Protein backbone atom coordinates (compact mmCIF):
# COMPACT_ATOMS: atom_id res chain seq x y z
CA MET A 1 -24.57 18.98 -3.62
CA LYS A 2 -24.20 19.72 -7.34
CA PRO A 3 -21.51 17.69 -9.03
CA LEU A 4 -19.62 20.86 -10.39
CA LEU A 5 -19.47 22.35 -6.99
CA LEU A 6 -18.30 19.08 -5.47
CA LEU A 7 -15.59 18.84 -7.97
CA LEU A 8 -14.36 22.38 -7.22
CA LEU A 9 -14.38 21.66 -3.47
CA LEU A 10 -12.30 18.47 -4.09
CA PHE A 11 -9.67 20.36 -6.20
CA CYS A 12 -9.31 22.98 -3.55
CA ALA A 13 -8.67 20.52 -0.90
CA PRO A 14 -5.24 20.45 0.51
CA GLY A 15 -2.96 18.03 -1.47
CA PHE A 16 -5.56 17.26 -4.24
CA GLY A 17 -4.80 17.96 -7.78
CA ALA A 18 -1.13 17.74 -7.66
CA ALA A 19 -1.04 14.62 -9.72
CA VAL A 20 -4.46 14.44 -11.18
CA GLY A 21 -4.51 14.20 -14.88
CA THR A 22 -4.06 11.83 -17.75
CA HIS A 23 -1.23 9.27 -16.87
CA GLY A 24 -0.38 7.21 -19.91
CA MET A 25 1.12 3.77 -19.47
CA VAL A 26 2.69 1.16 -21.47
CA LEU A 27 1.19 -2.26 -21.32
CA MET A 28 3.31 -5.39 -21.56
CA PRO A 29 2.56 -9.15 -21.51
CA THR A 30 4.36 -11.66 -19.12
CA SER A 31 3.63 -15.05 -18.08
CA GLN A 32 1.89 -13.68 -15.00
CA GLY A 33 -0.41 -11.53 -17.02
CA PRO A 34 -0.31 -7.90 -18.16
CA VAL A 35 2.02 -5.45 -16.52
CA ALA A 36 1.65 -1.68 -17.00
CA SER A 37 4.31 0.93 -16.51
CA HIS A 38 3.47 4.70 -16.05
CA LEU A 39 5.03 6.84 -18.63
CA PRO A 40 7.21 9.19 -16.66
CA LEU A 41 8.67 12.58 -17.37
CA HIS A 42 11.18 14.71 -15.68
CA GLY A 43 10.17 18.10 -14.15
CA SER A 44 6.32 17.26 -14.16
CA MET A 45 3.60 15.51 -12.14
CA HIS A 46 4.70 12.51 -14.14
CA ALA A 47 8.23 12.33 -12.56
CA HIS A 48 7.67 8.96 -11.16
CA GLN A 49 8.25 5.30 -12.09
CA LEU A 50 5.28 3.31 -11.23
CA VAL A 51 4.92 -0.32 -12.44
CA LEU A 52 1.62 -2.21 -11.76
CA LYS A 53 0.39 -5.83 -12.08
CA LEU A 54 -2.99 -5.61 -13.65
CA ALA A 55 -6.08 -7.87 -14.09
CA VAL A 56 -8.22 -7.06 -17.08
CA ASP A 57 -12.10 -7.29 -17.08
CA PRO A 58 -13.09 -10.82 -18.20
CA ALA A 59 -15.09 -9.40 -21.08
CA ASP A 60 -12.03 -7.75 -22.74
CA LYS A 61 -9.19 -10.13 -21.44
CA ALA A 62 -9.01 -12.29 -24.58
CA GLN A 63 -8.95 -9.22 -26.87
CA VAL A 64 -6.33 -7.37 -24.81
CA ALA A 65 -4.12 -10.69 -24.88
CA ALA A 66 -4.62 -10.75 -28.58
CA LEU A 67 -3.54 -7.26 -29.15
CA LEU A 68 -0.42 -7.67 -26.86
CA ALA A 69 0.58 -10.76 -28.89
CA GLN A 70 0.23 -8.75 -32.35
CA GLN A 71 1.52 -5.40 -31.61
CA PRO A 72 5.05 -4.28 -30.67
CA LEU A 73 3.69 -1.42 -28.68
CA VAL A 74 0.46 -1.21 -26.69
CA THR A 75 -0.39 1.79 -24.43
CA LEU A 76 -3.19 2.74 -22.13
CA LYS A 77 -4.89 6.14 -21.99
CA PRO A 78 -6.62 6.10 -18.56
CA GLU A 79 -9.65 8.20 -17.41
CA ILE A 80 -8.41 11.20 -15.36
CA LEU A 81 -7.04 9.93 -12.15
CA ASP A 82 -4.75 10.72 -9.21
CA LEU A 83 -1.32 9.23 -9.73
CA HIS A 84 -0.66 9.42 -5.99
CA ARG A 85 -3.72 7.26 -5.14
CA LEU A 86 -2.18 4.61 -7.62
CA MET A 87 1.19 4.84 -6.09
CA HIS A 88 -0.05 4.26 -2.53
CA GLY A 89 -2.69 1.62 -3.41
CA THR A 90 -5.89 3.61 -2.47
CA LEU A 91 -6.95 3.47 -6.18
CA SER A 92 -7.43 -0.12 -7.21
CA GLN A 93 -9.43 0.11 -10.26
CA PHE A 94 -9.68 2.40 -13.46
CA ARG A 95 -10.74 2.45 -16.93
CA ALA A 96 -8.43 3.15 -19.90
CA ASP A 97 -8.48 3.19 -23.73
CA VAL A 98 -6.24 0.42 -24.98
CA VAL A 99 -4.23 1.85 -27.77
CA ALA A 100 -2.12 0.01 -30.54
CA GLY A 101 1.06 2.15 -30.61
CA HIS A 102 1.73 5.32 -28.66
CA PHE A 103 -1.56 7.07 -27.53
CA GLU A 104 0.08 10.50 -28.12
CA ARG A 105 1.99 9.75 -31.27
CA GLY A 106 -0.68 8.52 -33.59
CA GLY A 107 -1.73 5.27 -31.97
CA GLN A 108 -5.17 3.86 -32.66
CA THR A 109 -7.66 3.22 -29.97
CA THR A 110 -8.61 -0.44 -30.32
CA LEU A 111 -10.56 -1.19 -27.19
CA PRO A 112 -12.26 1.76 -25.53
CA MET A 113 -12.59 2.20 -21.77
CA VAL A 114 -11.47 -1.22 -20.65
CA ALA A 115 -11.87 -1.84 -16.81
CA PHE A 116 -8.49 -2.70 -15.02
CA THR A 117 -7.95 -3.91 -11.49
CA VAL A 118 -4.58 -3.31 -9.92
CA GLU A 119 -3.47 -6.55 -8.35
CA ARG A 120 -0.10 -5.35 -6.99
CA VAL A 121 2.17 -2.40 -7.12
CA LEU A 122 5.42 -3.78 -8.31
CA LEU A 123 7.56 -0.50 -8.37
CA ASN A 124 7.13 2.94 -6.99
CA ALA A 125 10.08 5.22 -7.22
CA PRO A 126 10.61 8.89 -7.95
CA LEU A 127 12.83 10.16 -10.74
CA GLU A 128 16.01 11.27 -9.23
CA PRO A 129 19.36 12.77 -10.71
CA VAL A 130 21.26 9.54 -10.23
CA GLU A 131 23.79 7.71 -12.48
CA ASN A 132 22.16 5.86 -15.40
CA GLY A 133 22.67 1.98 -15.85
CA ALA A 134 21.01 0.60 -12.86
CA PHE A 135 17.95 -1.69 -13.28
CA TYR A 136 15.21 -2.56 -10.68
CA PRO A 137 14.64 -6.32 -10.76
CA ILE A 138 11.07 -7.25 -10.17
CA ASP A 139 10.12 -10.87 -9.38
CA LEU A 140 7.34 -12.36 -11.34
CA GLY A 141 7.84 -15.93 -10.16
CA ASP A 142 9.36 -17.60 -13.13
CA GLU A 143 10.46 -14.40 -14.65
CA THR A 144 12.08 -11.13 -13.72
CA LEU A 145 11.28 -7.60 -15.01
CA LEU A 146 14.21 -5.28 -15.31
CA VAL A 147 13.22 -1.60 -15.11
CA HIS A 148 16.00 0.86 -15.87
CA ARG A 149 16.28 3.54 -12.93
CA ILE A 150 15.80 6.70 -14.91
CA GLY A 151 18.51 9.05 -13.91
CA SER A 152 20.04 12.42 -14.91
CA LEU A 153 19.36 13.54 -18.42
CA PRO A 154 20.05 12.15 -21.07
CA SER A 155 18.43 8.88 -19.99
CA PHE A 156 16.09 6.29 -21.05
CA ASP A 157 13.03 4.26 -20.01
CA GLN A 158 13.50 0.61 -20.65
CA ILE A 159 11.96 -2.48 -19.41
CA LEU A 160 13.50 -5.94 -20.13
CA LEU A 161 12.09 -9.51 -19.42
CA MET A 162 14.46 -12.23 -18.19
CA GLU A 163 13.47 -15.88 -17.62
CA ARG A 164 15.15 -16.37 -14.28
CA ASN A 165 15.17 -14.98 -10.85
CA VAL A 166 17.68 -12.52 -9.20
CA THR A 167 17.99 -11.56 -5.54
CA GLU A 168 19.63 -8.24 -5.80
CA SER A 169 17.72 -4.96 -5.18
CA LEU A 170 19.42 -3.14 -7.81
CA ILE A 171 21.56 -4.29 -10.75
CA TYR A 172 24.13 -2.39 -12.83
CA LEU A 173 24.31 -3.45 -16.37
CA GLY A 174 26.26 -1.81 -19.32
CA ASP A 175 27.58 1.77 -19.40
CA GLY A 176 24.25 3.75 -18.99
CA GLN A 177 22.92 2.94 -22.50
CA PRO A 178 19.85 0.94 -23.41
CA LEU A 179 20.60 -2.77 -23.57
CA ASP A 180 19.90 -5.02 -26.78
CA ASP A 181 18.20 -8.32 -26.65
CA GLY A 182 20.38 -11.25 -25.98
CA LEU A 183 22.71 -12.78 -23.32
CA GLN A 184 23.69 -10.48 -20.70
CA PRO A 185 27.06 -11.64 -19.14
CA ALA A 186 26.40 -9.90 -15.83
CA LEU A 187 23.24 -11.90 -15.45
CA GLU A 188 24.42 -15.02 -17.20
CA ALA A 189 20.96 -15.11 -18.87
CA PRO A 190 19.41 -13.48 -21.87
CA VAL A 191 16.94 -10.66 -21.71
CA ARG A 192 14.18 -9.41 -23.96
CA SER A 193 13.32 -5.76 -24.33
CA LEU A 194 9.65 -5.14 -23.81
CA TYR A 195 9.82 -1.45 -24.07
CA LEU A 196 12.30 1.48 -24.79
CA GLU A 197 11.82 5.14 -24.76
CA THR A 198 14.57 7.78 -25.29
CA ALA A 199 12.94 10.69 -26.92
CA ASP A 200 11.27 11.97 -23.54
CA PHE A 201 14.72 11.78 -21.89
CA THR A 202 17.10 13.83 -24.10
CA ALA A 203 19.38 16.48 -22.52
CA ARG A 204 17.74 19.87 -22.23
């Protein structure tokens, strides 16, 4: 069967194509290796928070680690893929451009088409019109990621790193505003912000 005809048949299949596209991600360093977070957006096929523990192709591992150590923001521009397959673990490998900065806001591709393997889906949650200020804790062994549960607009996408473990399934911190680096009394531990995005979550 010709490739173009096969592609058309796939796109016409029930349920296919609803979340197929370019799904940008922010890439962040942790003691357990790189973690990627899908860049979500209300009212679109991107309306989903998805955090992945990734392994990098050995040929590019050192370069990716060096870039993460040097740059305050590193994003991925993956090949066209189905977000639903990533969410449900049926897509475990993909290639992506590794970009210094935001791939849609003037960032520069530093490493083209690096191969990544999904080791674990850490968070899989839809965007919902809920109160802001709650964080999902994600256990990374000797560290915990705190991922803001993006709620009703205006909201924000923030990911923090804390060098201790928590047992709660959801933690409410602050008054629904992004958190600064430093000691968080509610946690009795310092946190460090790895990523913060507010522009995509202003009131409409």
